PDB file of N, CA and C in Angstrom:
ATOM      1  N   MET A   1      -9.801  -8.285  26.204  1.00  0.00           N
ATOM      2  CA  MET A   1     -10.613  -7.388  25.375  1.00  0.00           C
ATOM      3  C   MET A   1      -9.860  -6.380  24.755  1.00  0.00           C
ATOM      4  N   LYS A   2      -9.111  -5.581  25.737  1.00  0.00           N
ATOM      5  CA  LYS A   2      -8.382  -4.365  25.246  1.00  0.00           C
ATOM      6  C   LYS A   2      -7.334  -4.795  24.197  1.00  0.00           C
ATOM      7  N   LYS A   3      -6.635  -6.030  24.577  1.00  0.00           N
ATOM      8  CA  LYS A   3      -5.565  -6.459  23.655  1.00  0.00           C
ATOM      9  C   LYS A   3      -6.044  -6.601  22.326  1.00  0.00           C
ATOM     10  N   CYS A   4      -7.128  -7.316  22.107  1.00  0.00           N
ATOM     11  CA  CYS A   4      -7.716  -7.538  20.820  1.00  0.00           C
ATOM     12  C   CYS A   4      -7.963  -6.152  20.153  1.00  0.00           C
ATOM     13  N   ARG A   5      -8.768  -5.362  20.825  1.00  0.00           N
ATOM     14  CA  ARG A   5      -8.891  -4.025  20.321  1.00  0.00           C
ATOM     15  C   ARG A   5      -7.706  -3.322  19.846  1.00  0.00           C
ATOM     16  N   SER A   6      -6.677  -3.195  20.645  1.00  0.00           N
ATOM     17  CA  SER A   6      -5.558  -2.320  20.266  1.00  0.00           C
ATOM     18  C   SER A   6      -4.771  -3.102  19.069  1.00  0.00           C
ATOM     19  N   ALA A   7      -5.001  -4.508  19.054  1.00  0.00           N
ATOM     20  CA  ALA A   7      -4.248  -5.097  17.874  1.00  0.00           C
ATOM     21  C   ALA A   7      -5.034  -4.670  16.530  1.00  0.00           C
ATOM     22  N   GLU A   8      -6.374  -4.653  16.540  1.00  0.00           N
ATOM     23  CA  GLU A   8      -7.072  -4.318  15.433  1.00  0.00           C
ATOM     24  C   GLU A   8      -6.787  -2.810  15.002  1.00  0.00           C
ATOM     25  N   PHE A   9      -6.748  -1.957  15.993  1.00  0.00           N
ATOM     26  CA  PHE A   9      -6.269  -0.547  15.725  1.00  0.00           C
ATOM     27  C   PHE A   9      -4.981  -0.360  15.150  1.00  0.00           C
ATOM     28  N   ASP A  10      -4.040  -1.336  15.648  1.00  0.00           N
ATOM     29  CA  ASP A  10      -2.638  -1.213  15.047  1.00  0.00           C
ATOM     30  C   ASP A  10      -2.688  -1.658  13.633  1.00  0.00           C
ATOM     31  N   VAL A  11      -3.456  -2.539  13.131  1.00  0.00           N
ATOM     32  CA  VAL A  11      -3.514  -3.004  11.807  1.00  0.00           C
ATOM     33  C   VAL A  11      -4.156  -1.839  10.961  1.00  0.00           C
ATOM     34  N   ILE A  12      -5.169  -1.241  11.547  1.00  0.00           N
ATOM     35  CA  ILE A  12      -5.828  -0.171  10.721  1.00  0.00           C
ATOM     36  C   ILE A  12      -4.742   1.054  10.625  1.00  0.00           C
ATOM     37  N   MET A  13      -4.055   1.387  11.820  1.00  0.00           N
ATOM     38  CA  MET A  13      -3.142   2.507  11.709  1.00  0.00           C
ATOM     39  C   MET A  13      -2.018   2.227  10.832  1.00  0.00           C
ATOM     40  N   ASP A  14      -1.475   1.090  10.819  1.00  0.00           N
ATOM     41  CA  ASP A  14      -0.371   0.686   9.885  1.00  0.00           C
ATOM     42  C   ASP A  14      -0.907   0.733   8.437  1.00  0.00           C
ATOM     43  N   HIS A  15      -2.102   0.336   8.134  1.00  0.00           N
ATOM     44  CA  HIS A  15      -2.679   0.393   6.828  1.00  0.00           C
ATOM     45  C   HIS A  15      -2.825   1.806   6.359  1.00  0.00           C
ATOM     46  N   GLU A  16      -3.284   2.715   7.204  1.00  0.00           N
ATOM     47  CA  GLU A  16      -3.459   3.968   6.849  1.00  0.00           C
ATOM     48  C   GLU A  16      -2.250   4.975   6.894  1.00  0.00           C
ATOM     49  N   ASN A  17      -1.264   4.308   7.620  1.00  0.00           N
ATOM     50  CA  ASN A  17      -0.085   5.081   7.775  1.00  0.00           C
ATOM     51  C   ASN A  17      -0.012   6.462   8.409  1.00  0.00           C
ATOM     52  N   ILE A  18      -1.026   6.435   9.472  1.00  0.00           N
ATOM     53  CA  ILE A  18      -1.007   7.675  10.274  1.00  0.00           C
ATOM     54  C   ILE A  18      -1.110   7.224  11.707  1.00  0.00           C
ATOM     55  N   THR A  19      -0.096   6.382  12.068  1.00  0.00           N
ATOM     56  CA  THR A  19      -0.240   5.851  13.400  1.00  0.00           C
ATOM     57  C   THR A  19      -0.445   6.758  14.630  1.00  0.00           C
ATOM     58  N   GLN A  20       0.405   7.872  14.615  1.00  0.00           N
ATOM     59  CA  GLN A  20       0.436   8.744  15.648  1.00  0.00           C
ATOM     60  C   GLN A  20      -0.985   9.461  15.838  1.00  0.00           C
ATOM     61  N   GLU A  21      -1.395  10.057  14.623  1.00  0.00           N
ATOM     62  CA  GLU A  21      -2.592  10.761  14.655  1.00  0.00           C
ATOM     63  C   GLU A  21      -3.773   9.889  15.205  1.00  0.00           C
ATOM     64  N   THR A  22      -3.947   8.776  14.545  1.00  0.00           N
ATOM     65  CA  THR A  22      -5.024   7.811  14.885  1.00  0.00           C
ATOM     66  C   THR A  22      -4.932   7.466  16.388  1.00  0.00           C
ATOM     67  N   SER A  23      -3.787   7.028  17.024  1.00  0.00           N
ATOM     68  CA  SER A  23      -3.764   6.764  18.288  1.00  0.00           C
ATOM     69  C   SER A  23      -4.091   7.831  19.282  1.00  0.00           C
ATOM     70  N   GLU A  24      -3.737   9.047  18.815  1.00  0.00           N
ATOM     71  CA  GLU A  24      -4.250  10.228  19.662  1.00  0.00           C
ATOM     72  C   GLU A  24      -5.743  10.325  19.670  1.00  0.00           C
ATOM     73  N   ILE A  25      -6.352  10.141  18.486  1.00  0.00           N
ATOM     74  CA  ILE A  25      -7.795  10.280  18.349  1.00  0.00           C
ATOM     75  C   ILE A  25      -8.423   9.140  19.166  1.00  0.00           C
ATOM     76  N   VAL A  26      -7.865   8.092  19.162  1.00  0.00           N
ATOM     77  CA  VAL A  26      -8.558   6.821  19.788  1.00  0.00           C
ATOM     78  C   VAL A  26      -8.420   7.130  21.345  1.00  0.00           C
ATOM     79  N   GLU A  27      -7.193   7.641  21.771  1.00  0.00           N
ATOM     80  CA  GLU A  27      -7.251   8.005  23.057  1.00  0.00           C
ATOM     81  C   GLU A  27      -8.142   9.009  23.644  1.00  0.00           C
ATOM     82  N   LYS A  28      -8.495   9.971  22.837  1.00  0.00           N
ATOM     83  CA  LYS A  28      -9.359  11.042  23.135  1.00  0.00           C
ATOM     84  C   LYS A  28     -10.895  10.384  23.343  1.00  0.00           C
ATOM     85  N   LEU A  29     -11.158   9.563  22.183  1.00  0.00           N
ATOM     86  CA  LEU A  29     -12.402   8.827  22.196  1.00  0.00           C
ATOM     87  C   LEU A  29     -12.579   7.971  23.495  1.00  0.00           C
ATOM     88  N   GLU A  30     -11.601   7.194  23.805  1.00  0.00           N
ATOM     89  CA  GLU A  30     -11.646   6.243  24.938  1.00  0.00           C
ATOM     90  C   GLU A  30     -11.775   7.076  26.242  1.00  0.00           C
ATOM     91  N   SER A  31     -11.148   8.269  26.423  1.00  0.00           N
ATOM     92  CA  SER A  31     -11.341   8.924  27.589  1.00  0.00           C
ATOM     93  C   SER A  31     -12.647   9.582  27.759  1.00  0.00           C
ATOM     94  N   LYS A  32     -13.152   9.955  26.506  1.00  0.00           N
ATOM     95  CA  LYS A  32     -14.489  10.541  26.610  1.00  0.00           C
ATOM     96  C   LYS A  32     -15.612   9.550  27.040  1.00  0.00           C
ATOM     97  N   VAL A  33     -15.524   8.254  26.506  1.00  0.00           N
ATOM     98  CA  VAL A  33     -16.264   7.158  26.772  1.00  0.00           C
ATOM     99  C   VAL A  33     -16.190   6.729  28.364  1.00  0.00           C
ATOM    100  N   LYS A  34     -15.015   6.860  28.864  1.00  0.00           N
ATOM    101  CA  LYS A  34     -14.724   6.451  30.310  1.00  0.00           C
ATOM    102  C   LYS A  34     -15.394   7.671  31.071  1.00  0.00           C
ATOM    103  N   ILE A  35     -15.339   8.872  30.767  1.00  0.00           N
ATOM    104  CA  ILE A  35     -16.011   9.975  31.437  1.00  0.00           C
ATOM    105  C   ILE A  35     -17.516   9.818  31.423  1.00  0.00           C
ATOM    106  N   ARG A  36     -18.010   9.484  30.319  1.00  0.00           N
ATOM    107  CA  ARG A  36     -19.464   9.460  30.194  1.00  0.00           C
ATOM    108  C   ARG A  36     -19.953   8.130  31.012  1.00  0.00           C
ATOM    109  N   ASN A  37     -19.322   7.044  30.979  1.00  0.00           N
ATOM    110  CA  ASN A  37     -19.757   5.900  31.736  1.00  0.00           C
ATOM    111  C   ASN A  37     -19.535   6.250  33.261  1.00  0.00           C
TER     112      ASN A  37
END
């Protein structure tokens, strides 16, 4: 599941050409979701 997800994010990040910023945002969102659950 996580591999499919990250692959999709990689495509989006490459397309937007803001890989580093997007990955940081994704990490923050994922950590918030984990804490919430």
